[in-house]
C-alpha atoms as a PDB file:
ATOM      1  CA  UNK A   1      82.052 163.334  31.673  1.00  0.00           C
ATOM      2  CA  UNK A   2      83.007 163.135  35.377  1.00  0.00           C
ATOM      3  CA  UNK A   3      85.481 159.963  34.962  1.00  0.00           C
ATOM      4  CA  UNK A   4      89.022 160.826  34.791  1.00  0.00           C
ATOM      5  CA  UNK A   5      91.852 158.310  35.063  1.00  0.00           C
ATOM      6  CA  UNK A   6      93.394 160.995  37.197  1.00  0.00           C
ATOM      7  CA  UNK A   7      90.891 159.479  39.882  1.00  0.00           C
ATOM      8  CA  UNK A   8      92.241 156.089  39.564  1.00  0.00           C
ATOM      9  CA  UNK A   9      93.845 154.712  42.409  1.00  0.00           C
ATOM     10  CA  UNK A  10      97.888 155.333  42.849  1.00  0.00           C
ATOM     11  CA  UNK A  11      98.503 152.124  44.183  1.00  0.00           C
ATOM     12  CA  UNK A  12     100.196 148.727  42.244  1.00  0.00           C
ATOM     13  CA  UNK A  13     101.142 145.523  44.078  1.00  0.00           C
ATOM     14  CA  UNK A  14     104.798 146.994  44.933  1.00  0.00           C
ATOM     15  CA  UNK A  15     103.804 150.756  45.499  1.00  0.00           C
ATOM     16  CA  UNK A  16     101.617 152.826  47.557  1.00  0.00           C
ATOM     17  CA  UNK A  17     100.872 156.816  47.191  1.00  0.00           C
ATOM     18  CA  UNK A  18      99.790 158.731  49.952  1.00  0.00           C
ATOM     19  CA  UNK A  19      98.435 162.057  49.664  1.00  0.00           C
ATOM     20  CA  UNK A  20      98.347 162.981  53.068  1.00  0.00           C
ATOM     21  CA  UNK A  21      99.475 160.924  56.458  1.00  0.00           C
ATOM     22  CA  UNK A  22      99.926 161.748  60.049  1.00  0.00           C
ATOM     23  CA  UNK A  23     103.638 160.520  59.458  1.00  0.00           C
ATOM     24  CA  UNK A  24     104.058 163.106  56.525  1.00  0.00           C
ATOM     25  CA  UNK A  25     102.300 165.814  58.753  1.00  0.00           C
ATOM     26  CA  UNK A  26     104.465 165.040  61.860  1.00  0.00           C
ATOM     27  CA  UNK A  27     107.646 165.409  59.921  1.00  0.00           C
ATOM     28  CA  UNK A  28     106.907 168.395  58.213  1.00  0.00           C
ATOM     29  CA  UNK A  29     106.064 169.795  61.467  1.00  0.00           C
ATOM     30  CA  UNK A  30     108.876 168.632  63.478  1.00  0.00           C
ATOM     31  CA  UNK A  31     110.791 170.429  60.717  1.00  0.00           C
ATOM     32  CA  UNK A  32     109.080 173.372  60.768  1.00  0.00           C
ATOM     33  CA  UNK A  33     109.943 173.849  64.301  1.00  0.00           C
ATOM     34  CA  UNK A  34     113.582 172.951  64.309  1.00  0.00           C
ATOM     35  CA  UNK A  35     114.012 176.158  61.723  1.00  0.00           C
ATOM     36  CA  UNK A  36     111.371 178.433  63.845  1.00  0.00           C
ATOM     37  CA  UNK A  37     113.270 177.564  67.082  1.00  0.00           C
ATOM     38  CA  UNK A  38     116.446 178.565  65.796  1.00  0.00           C
ATOM     39  CA  UNK A  39     114.581 181.820  64.671  1.00  0.00           C
ATOM     40  CA  UNK A  40     113.479 182.494  68.016  1.00  0.00           C
ATOM     41  CA  UNK A  41     117.076 181.732  69.466  1.00  0.00           C
ATOM     42  CA  UNK A  42     118.417 184.032  67.155  1.00  0.00           C
ATOM     43  CA  UNK A  43     116.112 186.606  67.678  1.00  0.00           C
ATOM     44  CA  UNK A  44     116.829 186.521  71.537  1.00  0.00           C
ATOM     45  CA  UNK A  45     120.626 186.418  70.804  1.00  0.00           C
ATOM     46  CA  UNK A  46     120.019 189.696  68.382  1.00  0.00           C
ATOM     47  CA  UNK A  47     118.091 191.615  71.410  1.00  0.00           C
ATOM     48  CA  UNK A  48     120.526 190.630  73.931  1.00  0.00           C
ATOM     49  CA  UNK A  49     123.581 191.954  71.640  1.00  0.00           C
ATOM     50  CA  UNK A  50     121.659 195.360  70.904  1.00  0.00           C
ATOM     51  CA  UNK A  51     120.549 195.615  74.564  1.00  0.00           C
ATOM     52  CA  UNK A  52     124.345 194.915  75.869  1.00  0.00           C
ATOM     53  CA  UNK A  53     125.423 197.403  72.853  1.00  0.00           C
ATOM     54  CA  UNK A  54     122.654 200.090  73.589  1.00  0.00           C
ATOM     55  CA  UNK A  55     123.233 199.967  77.277  1.00  0.00           C
ATOM     56  CA  UNK A  56     126.649 199.978  77.283  1.00  0.00           C
ATOM     57  CA  UNK A  57     126.700 197.465  79.946  1.00  0.00           C
ATOM     58  CA  UNK A  58     126.566 193.420  79.984  1.00  0.00           C
ATOM     59  CA  UNK A  59     124.558 193.476  82.953  1.00  0.00           C
ATOM     60  CA  UNK A  60     121.816 195.791  82.229  1.00  0.00           C
ATOM     61  CA  UNK A  61     121.686 193.764  78.752  1.00  0.00           C
ATOM     62  CA  UNK A  62     121.554 190.248  80.540  1.00  0.00           C
ATOM     63  CA  UNK A  63     118.977 191.436  83.474  1.00  0.00           C
ATOM     64  CA  UNK A  64     116.865 193.259  80.755  1.00  0.00           C
ATOM     65  CA  UNK A  65     116.490 190.022  78.867  1.00  0.00           C
ATOM     66  CA  UNK A  66     116.030 187.867  81.913  1.00  0.00           C
ATOM     67  CA  UNK A  67     113.547 190.303  83.112  1.00  0.00           C
ATOM     68  CA  UNK A  68     111.718 189.694  79.602  1.00  0.00           C
ATOM     69  CA  UNK A  69     112.195 186.128  79.491  1.00  0.00           C
ATOM     70  CA  UNK A  70     110.644 185.927  83.006  1.00  0.00           C
ATOM     71  CA  UNK A  71     107.552 187.469  81.800  1.00  0.00           C
ATOM     72  CA  UNK A  72     106.459 184.062  80.064  1.00  0.00           C
ATOM     73  CA  UNK A  73     105.840 181.894  83.127  1.00  0.00           C
ATOM     74  CA  UNK A  74     103.899 184.637  84.818  1.00  0.00           C
ATOM     75  CA  UNK A  75     101.680 185.069  81.325  1.00  0.00           C
ATOM     76  CA  UNK A  76     101.263 181.483  81.273  1.00  0.00           C
ATOM     77  CA  UNK A  77     100.026 181.269  84.651  1.00  0.00           C
ATOM     78  CA  UNK A  78      97.802 183.964  84.118  1.00  0.00           C
ATOM     79  CA  UNK A  79      96.237 182.598  81.084  1.00  0.00           C
ATOM     80  CA  UNK A  80      95.734 178.744  82.317  1.00  0.00           C
ATOM     81  CA  UNK A  81      95.335 178.963  86.106  1.00  0.00           C
ATOM     82  CA  UNK A  82      94.029 182.426  86.711  1.00  0.00           C
ATOM     83  CA  UNK A  83      91.781 182.584  83.486  1.00  0.00           C
ATOM     84  CA  UNK A  84      91.214 179.219  83.037  1.00  0.00           C
ATOM     85  CA  UNK A  85      91.838 179.402  78.961  1.00  0.00           C
ATOM     86  CA  UNK A  86      92.764 175.839  77.996  1.00  0.00           C
ATOM     87  CA  UNK A  87      92.775 177.165  74.229  1.00  0.00           C
ATOM     88  CA  UNK A  88      96.662 177.365  73.130  1.00  0.00           C
ATOM     89  CA  UNK A  89      97.358 177.375  69.275  1.00  0.00           C
ATOM     90  CA  UNK A  90     100.851 178.092  67.574  1.00  0.00           C
ATOM     91  CA  UNK A  91      99.823 181.726  66.992  1.00  0.00           C
ATOM     92  CA  UNK A  92     100.766 182.067  70.625  1.00  0.00           C
ATOM     93  CA  UNK A  93     103.986 181.316  70.397  1.00  0.00           C
ATOM     94  CA  UNK A  94     104.468 184.211  68.251  1.00  0.00           C
ATOM     95  CA  UNK A  95     104.094 186.477  71.545  1.00  0.00           C
ATOM     96  CA  UNK A  96     107.704 185.921  72.168  1.00  0.00           C
ATOM     97  CA  UNK A  97     108.707 188.145  69.382  1.00  0.00           C
ATOM     98  CA  UNK A  98     106.088 190.548  70.760  1.00  0.00           C
ATOM     99  CA  UNK A  99     107.389 190.371  74.283  1.00  0.00           C
ATOM    100  CA  UNK A 100     110.904 191.078  72.886  1.00  0.00           C
ATOM    101  CA  UNK A 101     110.291 193.897  71.154  1.00  0.00           C
ATOM    102  CA  UNK A 102     108.084 195.828  73.897  1.00  0.00           C
ATOM    103  CA  UNK A 103     110.320 194.655  76.798  1.00  0.00           C
ATOM    104  CA  UNK A 104     113.842 195.785  74.591  1.00  0.00           C
ATOM    105  CA  UNK A 105     112.060 199.076  74.230  1.00  0.00           C
ATOM    106  CA  UNK A 106     111.042 199.100  77.892  1.00  0.00           C
ATOM    107  CA  UNK A 107     114.925 198.726  78.982  1.00  0.00           C
ATOM    108  CA  UNK A 108     115.695 201.264  76.232  1.00  0.00           C
ATOM    109  CA  UNK A 109     113.275 203.920  78.109  1.00  0.00           C
ATOM    110  CA  UNK A 110     114.609 203.348  81.245  1.00  0.00           C
ATOM    111  CA  UNK A 111     118.178 203.596  80.018  1.00  0.00           C
ATOM    112  CA  UNK A 112     117.731 206.858  78.335  1.00  0.00           C
ATOM    113  CA  UNK A 113     115.516 208.105  80.928  1.00  0.00           C
ATOM    114  CA  UNK A 114     118.203 207.326  83.760  1.00  0.00           C
ATOM    115  CA  UNK A 115     121.071 209.100  81.822  1.00  0.00           C
ATOM    116  CA  UNK A 116     118.987 212.435  81.151  1.00  0.00           C
END
């Protein structure tokens, strides 16, 4: 009752099928990282263009984006050196999107407050 032909080995003399291997995971992970990296670059460029459009000044847009991007080394320093947290998962990479959103919003608020 528990025997099934689907449980037989998937190997012949010339063919070996692997259902899961480190090389497959490495390749898939690399492909995902490439596409996700382009999404991060696109997001940064979009925020830069929108900040330049909203502020009406290329310098404010670039310096605002620089302020946002410089927050990451400081945050990593606090995370690893000061608080001694060694755990770093892929979910932590999503912080770039949160920082882009919050940082861009800060720039918009500062510019609007300055104008009024």
